[in-house]
Amino acid sequence: MTIVGIVLLIGIDQITKFFATEFLKGSNGFNIIPNVLKLFYLENFGAAFGILQNAKIFFVIITVLLLGFFVFLFIKLPDDKKYNHLRVVLTFFISGAIGNLIDRLVHTYVTDFIYLELINFPVFNVADIYVTCSCVYLAYLILFYYKDEDFNFLKKGN
């Protein structure tokens, strides 16, 4: 189910980026809710909020390392329903990271297209939503759900 979930989520991300490119590129965008939410095509050569512009190799290396770590974590997770929340977090994080990695490798930039005009928030995409939500959810799980001993499976020798 997890691999299917990852493939499905990556597919959703890539399809939305395809449609953004097809229908928004070269236009002034499309208002969903005027002055609140707009679809607006942007080629992002950096990271979140446009930082570290043109650092493609750095982003590819960091993404591959993080993906390796999260796949390792996925493999090490005990087969206990208590860890289903962590499986969801890993599924969304891995999907978002791969979605943006595909863009960087194929286009050298990430296609962004969702703009919260109301608060002038930087333009983002579906993969960014996956990563951001999974990080927030992970922080919640670590702070309020899991206990230190729930991570004993990561200790050497297990």
C-alpha atoms as a PDB file:
ATOM      1  CA  MET A   1       0.000   0.000   0.000  1.00  0.00           C
ATOM      2  CA  THR A   2       2.799   2.409   0.825  1.00  0.00           C
ATOM      3  CA  ILE A   3       4.589   2.146  -2.518  1.00  0.00           C
ATOM      4  CA  VAL A   4       1.236   2.518  -4.258  1.00  0.00           C
ATOM      5  CA  GLY A   5       0.531   5.577  -2.103  1.00  0.00           C
ATOM      6  CA  ILE A   6       3.899   7.129  -2.938  1.00  0.00           C
ATOM      7  CA  VAL A   7       3.424   6.514  -6.670  1.00  0.00           C
ATOM      8  CA  LEU A   8      -0.124   7.927  -6.526  1.00  0.00           C
ATOM      9  CA  LEU A   9       0.967  11.059  -4.629  1.00  0.00           C
ATOM     10  CA  ILE A  10       3.904  11.650  -6.995  1.00  0.00           C
ATOM     11  CA  GLY A  11       1.499  11.205  -9.902  1.00  0.00           C
ATOM     12  CA  ILE A  12      -0.881  13.821  -8.485  1.00  0.00           C
ATOM     13  CA  ASP A  13       2.019  16.243  -8.010  1.00  0.00           C
ATOM     14  CA  GLN A  14       3.383  15.716 -11.506  1.00  0.00           C
ATOM     15  CA  ILE A  15      -0.050  15.964 -13.161  1.00  0.00           C
ATOM     16  CA  THR A  16      -0.785  19.260 -11.390  1.00  0.00           C
ATOM     17  CA  LYS A  17       2.605  20.615 -12.493  1.00  0.00           C
ATOM     18  CA  PHE A  18       1.922  19.466 -16.065  1.00  0.00           C
ATOM     19  CA  PHE A  19      -1.420  21.279 -16.103  1.00  0.00           C
ATOM     20  CA  ALA A  20       0.138  24.358 -14.514  1.00  0.00           C
ATOM     21  CA  THR A  21       2.724  24.429 -17.288  1.00  0.00           C
ATOM     22  CA  GLU A  22       0.168  23.802 -20.032  1.00  0.00           C
ATOM     23  CA  PHE A  23      -2.459  26.283 -18.897  1.00  0.00           C
ATOM     24  CA  LEU A  24      -0.710  28.900 -16.755  1.00  0.00           C
ATOM     25  CA  LYS A  25       2.708  29.422 -18.341  1.00  0.00           C
ATOM     26  CA  GLY A  26       2.808  32.723 -20.188  1.00  0.00           C
ATOM     27  CA  SER A  27      -0.444  33.944 -18.635  1.00  0.00           C
ATOM     28  CA  ASN A  28      -1.250  36.312 -15.781  1.00  0.00           C
ATOM     29  CA  GLY A  29      -2.573  33.375 -13.778  1.00  0.00           C
ATOM     30  CA  PHE A  30      -6.062  32.319 -12.812  1.00  0.00           C
ATOM     31  CA  ASN A  31      -7.986  33.621  -9.785  1.00  0.00           C
ATOM     32  CA  ILE A  32      -9.670  30.892  -7.777  1.00  0.00           C
ATOM     33  CA  ILE A  33     -10.782  33.302  -5.047  1.00  0.00           C
ATOM     34  CA  PRO A  34     -10.036  36.899  -6.081  1.00  0.00           C
ATOM     35  CA  ASN A  35      -7.371  38.556  -3.895  1.00  0.00           C
ATOM     36  CA  VAL A  36      -7.048  35.328  -1.861  1.00  0.00           C
ATOM     37  CA  LEU A  37      -6.003  32.303  -3.933  1.00  0.00           C
ATOM     38  CA  LYS A  38      -4.521  32.388  -7.401  1.00  0.00           C
ATOM     39  CA  LEU A  39      -2.931  29.831  -9.705  1.00  0.00           C
ATOM     40  CA  PHE A  40       0.214  31.435 -11.072  1.00  0.00           C
ATOM     41  CA  TYR A  41       3.051  29.731 -12.979  1.00  0.00           C
ATOM     42  CA  LEU A  42       6.569  30.153 -11.595  1.00  0.00           C
ATOM     43  CA  GLU A  43       9.869  28.387 -12.296  1.00  0.00           C
ATOM     44  CA  ASN A  44      11.697  28.120  -8.971  1.00  0.00           C
ATOM     45  CA  PHE A  45      15.454  27.554  -9.321  1.00  0.00           C
ATOM     46  CA  GLY A  46      15.912  27.702  -5.534  1.00  0.00           C
ATOM     47  CA  ALA A  47      14.386  26.193  -2.434  1.00  0.00           C
ATOM     48  CA  ALA A  48      11.468  27.282  -0.269  1.00  0.00           C
ATOM     49  CA  PHE A  49      10.791  31.016  -0.500  1.00  0.00           C
ATOM     50  CA  GLY A  50      13.284  31.217  -3.389  1.00  0.00           C
ATOM     51  CA  ILE A  51      16.385  30.861  -1.208  1.00  0.00           C
ATOM     52  CA  LEU A  52      19.624  29.383  -2.575  1.00  0.00           C
ATOM     53  CA  GLN A  53      18.881  30.126  -6.222  1.00  0.00           C
ATOM     54  CA  ASN A  54      20.616  27.941  -8.848  1.00  0.00           C
ATOM     55  CA  ALA A  55      21.982  25.409  -6.352  1.00  0.00           C
ATOM     56  CA  LYS A  56      20.600  22.388  -8.234  1.00  0.00           C
ATOM     57  CA  ILE A  57      23.443  19.984  -7.397  1.00  0.00           C
ATOM     58  CA  PHE A  58      23.221  20.877  -3.701  1.00  0.00           C
ATOM     59  CA  PHE A  59      19.442  20.243  -3.688  1.00  0.00           C
ATOM     60  CA  VAL A  60      19.782  16.956  -5.547  1.00  0.00           C
ATOM     61  CA  ILE A  61      22.436  15.688  -3.112  1.00  0.00           C
ATOM     62  CA  ILE A  62      20.472  16.773  -0.019  1.00  0.00           C
ATOM     63  CA  THR A  63      17.267  15.263  -1.402  1.00  0.00           C
ATOM     64  CA  VAL A  64      18.924  11.934  -2.213  1.00  0.00           C
ATOM     65  CA  LEU A  65      20.475  11.787   1.275  1.00  0.00           C
ATOM     66  CA  LEU A  66      17.162  12.599   2.958  1.00  0.00           C
ATOM     67  CA  LEU A  67      15.327  10.081   0.796  1.00  0.00           C
ATOM     68  CA  GLY A  68      17.884   7.437   1.706  1.00  0.00           C
ATOM     69  CA  PHE A  69      17.409   8.174   5.398  1.00  0.00           C
ATOM     70  CA  PHE A  70      13.611   8.117   5.191  1.00  0.00           C
ATOM     71  CA  VAL A  71      13.560   4.891   3.162  1.00  0.00           C
ATOM     72  CA  PHE A  72      15.895   3.352   5.765  1.00  0.00           C
ATOM     73  CA  LEU A  73      13.504   4.523   8.507  1.00  0.00           C
ATOM     74  CA  PHE A  74      10.565   3.075   6.600  1.00  0.00           C
ATOM     75  CA  ILE A  75      12.291  -0.293   6.344  1.00  0.00           C
ATOM     76  CA  LYS A  76      13.202  -0.280  10.050  1.00  0.00           C
ATOM     77  CA  LEU A  77       9.679   0.605  11.246  1.00  0.00           C
ATOM     78  CA  PRO A  78       8.209  -2.204  13.341  1.00  0.00           C
ATOM     79  CA  ASP A  79       5.118  -3.871  11.905  1.00  0.00           C
ATOM     80  CA  ASP A  80       2.889  -2.392  14.595  1.00  0.00           C
ATOM     81  CA  LYS A  81      -0.163  -0.217  13.982  1.00  0.00           C
ATOM     82  CA  LYS A  82       1.259   2.276  16.489  1.00  0.00           C
ATOM     83  CA  TYR A  83       3.649   3.365  13.721  1.00  0.00           C
ATOM     84  CA  ASN A  84       0.959   3.939  11.074  1.00  0.00           C
ATOM     85  CA  HIS A  85       1.099   7.694  11.734  1.00  0.00           C
ATOM     86  CA  LEU A  86       4.836   7.633  11.028  1.00  0.00           C
ATOM     87  CA  ARG A  87       4.207   5.621   7.854  1.00  0.00           C
ATOM     88  CA  VAL A  88       1.819   8.335   6.646  1.00  0.00           C
ATOM     89  CA  VAL A  89       4.396  11.047   7.413  1.00  0.00           C
ATOM     90  CA  LEU A  90       7.116   9.151   5.556  1.00  0.00           C
ATOM     91  CA  THR A  91       4.820   8.425   2.602  1.00  0.00           C
ATOM     92  CA  PHE A  92       3.978  12.105   2.138  1.00  0.00           C
ATOM     93  CA  PHE A  93       7.526  13.338   2.765  1.00  0.00           C
ATOM     94  CA  ILE A  94       9.066  10.840   0.336  1.00  0.00           C
ATOM     95  CA  SER A  95       6.408  11.663  -2.282  1.00  0.00           C
ATOM     96  CA  GLY A  96       7.000  15.405  -2.011  1.00  0.00           C
ATOM     97  CA  ALA A  97      10.767  15.060  -2.091  1.00  0.00           C
ATOM     98  CA  ILE A  98      10.642  12.804  -5.171  1.00  0.00           C
ATOM     99  CA  GLY A  99       8.105  15.081  -6.875  1.00  0.00           C
ATOM    100  CA  ASN A 100      10.371  18.113  -6.607  1.00  0.00           C
ATOM    101  CA  LEU A 101      13.483  16.023  -7.360  1.00  0.00           C
ATOM    102  CA  ILE A 102      11.913  14.930 -10.650  1.00  0.00           C
ATOM    103  CA  ASP A 103      11.432  18.595 -11.559  1.00  0.00           C
ATOM    104  CA  ARG A 104      15.019  19.480 -10.698  1.00  0.00           C
ATOM    105  CA  LEU A 105      16.415  16.586 -12.730  1.00  0.00           C
ATOM    106  CA  VAL A 106      14.128  17.023 -15.748  1.00  0.00           C
ATOM    107  CA  HIS A 107      13.782  20.823 -15.906  1.00  0.00           C
ATOM    108  CA  THR A 108      16.546  22.186 -13.578  1.00  0.00           C
ATOM    109  CA  TYR A 109      13.788  24.069 -11.716  1.00  0.00           C
ATOM    110  CA  VAL A 110      10.689  23.241  -9.685  1.00  0.00           C
ATOM    111  CA  THR A 111       7.312  24.208 -11.109  1.00  0.00           C
ATOM    112  CA  ASP A 112       5.337  26.251  -8.569  1.00  0.00           C
ATOM    113  CA  PHE A 113       1.809  27.494  -9.186  1.00  0.00           C
ATOM    114  CA  ILE A 114      -0.244  27.999  -6.008  1.00  0.00           C
ATOM    115  CA  TYR A 115      -0.216  31.562  -4.710  1.00  0.00           C
ATOM    116  CA  LEU A 116      -1.913  32.737  -1.504  1.00  0.00           C
ATOM    117  CA  GLU A 117      -2.332  36.326  -2.616  1.00  0.00           C
ATOM    118  CA  LEU A 118      -4.137  37.363   0.585  1.00  0.00           C
ATOM    119  CA  ILE A 119      -0.948  37.038   2.639  1.00  0.00           C
ATOM    120  CA  ASN A 120       1.517  37.385  -0.245  1.00  0.00           C
ATOM    121  CA  PHE A 121       2.865  33.896   0.512  1.00  0.00           C
ATOM    122  CA  PRO A 122       5.564  32.553  -1.834  1.00  0.00           C
ATOM    123  CA  VAL A 123       4.260  30.490  -4.750  1.00  0.00           C
ATOM    124  CA  PHE A 124       4.362  26.743  -4.032  1.00  0.00           C
ATOM    125  CA  ASN A 125       3.189  23.383  -5.398  1.00  0.00           C
ATOM    126  CA  VAL A 126       1.536  20.132  -4.324  1.00  0.00           C
ATOM    127  CA  ALA A 127       4.864  18.446  -3.419  1.00  0.00           C
ATOM    128  CA  ASP A 128       5.635  21.399  -1.138  1.00  0.00           C
ATOM    129  CA  ILE A 129       2.301  20.815   0.596  1.00  0.00           C
ATOM    130  CA  TYR A 130       3.214  17.146   1.132  1.00  0.00           C
ATOM    131  CA  VAL A 131       6.597  18.021   2.645  1.00  0.00           C
ATOM    132  CA  THR A 132       5.325  20.885   4.801  1.00  0.00           C
ATOM    133  CA  CYS A 133       2.330  18.997   6.176  1.00  0.00           C
ATOM    134  CA  SER A 134       4.388  15.875   6.857  1.00  0.00           C
ATOM    135  CA  CYS A 135       6.994  17.924   8.758  1.00  0.00           C
ATOM    136  CA  VAL A 136       4.302  19.606  10.877  1.00  0.00           C
ATOM    137  CA  TYR A 137       2.643  16.245  11.528  1.00  0.00           C
ATOM    138  CA  LEU A 138       6.025  14.682  12.415  1.00  0.00           C
ATOM    139  CA  ALA A 139       6.726  17.472  14.907  1.00  0.00           C
ATOM    140  CA  TYR A 140       3.314  16.877  16.485  1.00  0.00           C
ATOM    141  CA  LEU A 141       3.931  13.116  16.699  1.00  0.00           C
ATOM    142  CA  ILE A 142       7.355  13.546  18.276  1.00  0.00           C
ATOM    143  CA  LEU A 143       6.133  16.123  20.784  1.00  0.00           C
ATOM    144  CA  PHE A 144       2.772  14.645  21.766  1.00  0.00           C
ATOM    145  CA  TYR A 145       2.243  11.106  20.503  1.00  0.00           C
ATOM    146  CA  TYR A 146       5.381   8.996  20.575  1.00  0.00           C
ATOM    147  CA  LYS A 147       7.565   8.449  23.606  1.00  0.00           C
ATOM    148  CA  ASP A 148      11.353   8.162  23.543  1.00  0.00           C
ATOM    149  CA  GLU A 149      11.183   4.380  23.874  1.00  0.00           C
ATOM    150  CA  ASP A 150       9.000   4.162  20.758  1.00  0.00           C
ATOM    151  CA  PHE A 151      12.155   4.950  18.780  1.00  0.00           C
ATOM    152  CA  ASN A 152      14.251   2.150  20.289  1.00  0.00           C
ATOM    153  CA  PHE A 153      13.951   0.290  16.975  1.00  0.00           C
ATOM    154  CA  LEU A 154      16.510   2.769  15.613  1.00  0.00           C
ATOM    155  CA  LYS A 155      19.202   1.802  18.117  1.00  0.00           C
ATOM    156  CA  LYS A 156      22.195  -0.096  16.828  1.00  0.00           C
ATOM    157  CA  GLY A 157      21.722  -3.845  16.882  1.00  0.00           C
ATOM    158  CA  ASN A 158      17.968  -3.815  16.337  1.00  0.00           C
END
